[in-house]
Amino acid sequence: MCRSERPTGQCRCLNSNFGIPYCTMTTSYIHGDQHQSYTGDRHPEISTSGYLETAFEDKPRKCKNCGERKICLKKEHRKDLAPQVLLEGISH
């Protein structure tokens, strides 16, 4: 069951946002519950993720969050505050 925070209506679940798994989304510092951030597998659409293709694993595998077979982000990118490409664009 999803715990909603009032009055903002934000979801406070560790692995999903109102039932939508975080693993399907690109990284964000706000994903997770009040006590820890979501750092599990992620497999956003590569073309719209904000990441270069090199940030993703080479082959599809079973996601440890949703169980679907997908091409996931490499482990070193799971804790990013936001997509690396977007951060690099801001710093230039």
Protein backbone atom coordinates (compact mmCIF):
# COMPACT_ATOMS: atom_id res chain seq x y z
CA MET A 1 0.00 0.00 0.00
CA CYS A 2 1.28 3.44 -0.91
CA ARG A 3 1.82 5.92 1.89
CA SER A 4 0.93 9.37 0.64
CA GLU A 5 2.36 12.50 2.23
CA ARG A 6 -0.13 15.29 2.77
CA PRO A 7 -0.65 18.05 1.65
CA THR A 8 1.80 17.52 -1.25
CA GLY A 9 0.40 14.12 -2.22
CA GLN A 10 3.86 12.68 -2.81
CA CYS A 11 4.31 8.94 -2.60
CA ARG A 12 6.66 7.68 0.14
CA CYS A 13 7.30 4.13 -1.11
CA LEU A 14 10.87 2.86 -1.48
CA ASN A 15 10.48 1.06 -4.82
CA SER A 16 7.70 2.93 -6.64
CA ASN A 17 5.78 6.18 -7.03
CA PHE A 18 2.04 5.52 -6.68
CA GLY A 19 2.55 2.04 -8.15
CA ILE A 20 4.90 3.07 -10.99
CA PRO A 21 8.25 1.35 -10.33
CA TYR A 22 11.26 3.65 -10.01
CA CYS A 23 13.19 1.15 -12.12
CA THR A 24 11.30 2.39 -15.22
CA MET A 25 12.33 6.00 -14.58
CA THR A 26 15.58 7.88 -15.02
CA THR A 27 17.47 8.69 -11.82
CA SER A 28 16.27 11.38 -9.44
CA TYR A 29 17.30 12.36 -5.92
CA ILE A 30 13.65 12.37 -4.83
CA HIS A 31 13.01 8.67 -5.52
CA GLY A 32 12.65 6.58 -2.37
CA ASP A 33 10.94 6.74 0.97
CA GLN A 34 11.62 9.22 3.77
CA HIS A 35 14.54 7.20 5.11
CA GLN A 36 16.52 6.08 2.07
CA SER A 37 16.84 6.67 -1.66
CA TYR A 38 16.01 4.08 -4.29
CA THR A 39 19.31 2.67 -5.60
CA GLY A 40 18.09 -0.50 -7.28
CA ASP A 41 18.00 -1.44 -10.95
CA ARG A 42 16.83 1.14 -13.47
CA HIS A 43 15.87 0.68 -17.11
CA PRO A 44 14.42 3.93 -18.46
CA GLU A 45 14.00 4.29 -22.23
CA ILE A 46 17.54 4.90 -23.45
CA SER A 47 16.54 7.53 -26.04
CA THR A 48 14.72 9.75 -23.52
CA SER A 49 16.72 9.01 -20.36
CA GLY A 50 19.28 11.81 -20.64
CA TYR A 51 22.07 9.22 -20.49
CA LEU A 52 24.48 8.16 -23.22
CA GLU A 53 24.13 4.56 -24.41
CA THR A 54 27.47 3.79 -22.70
CA ALA A 55 25.78 4.32 -19.31
CA PHE A 56 23.74 1.15 -19.89
CA GLU A 57 24.72 -2.49 -19.58
CA ASP A 58 25.46 -4.35 -22.82
CA LYS A 59 22.78 -7.05 -22.56
CA PRO A 60 19.24 -7.28 -21.19
CA ARG A 61 18.72 -9.07 -17.88
CA LYS A 62 15.96 -9.58 -15.32
CA CYS A 63 15.35 -6.39 -13.32
CA LYS A 64 15.63 -7.05 -9.59
CA ASN A 65 12.77 -4.62 -8.89
CA CYS A 66 10.03 -5.40 -11.44
CA GLY A 67 11.22 -8.73 -12.85
CA GLU A 68 11.09 -7.65 -16.51
CA ARG A 69 13.97 -8.46 -18.86
CA LYS A 70 15.50 -5.07 -19.79
CA ILE A 71 18.77 -3.27 -20.52
CA CYS A 72 19.58 -1.61 -17.19
CA LEU A 73 21.79 1.29 -16.21
CA LYS A 74 25.26 0.29 -15.08
CA LYS A 75 25.69 0.05 -11.32
CA GLU A 76 27.80 3.23 -11.11
CA HIS A 77 24.86 5.30 -12.41
CA ARG A 78 22.12 3.98 -10.09
CA LYS A 79 22.86 6.58 -7.39
CA ASP A 80 23.14 9.59 -9.72
CA LEU A 81 21.14 12.62 -8.58
CA ALA A 82 20.05 13.14 -12.18
CA PRO A 83 21.23 11.93 -15.60
CA GLN A 84 24.94 12.56 -16.14
CA VAL A 85 24.38 14.16 -19.55
CA LEU A 86 22.07 16.80 -18.05
CA LEU A 87 24.54 17.58 -15.25
CA GLU A 88 27.39 17.97 -17.74
CA GLY A 89 25.25 20.36 -19.79
CA ILE A 90 24.60 22.55 -16.75
CA SER A 91 28.28 22.79 -15.80
CA HIS A 92 29.42 24.04 -19.23
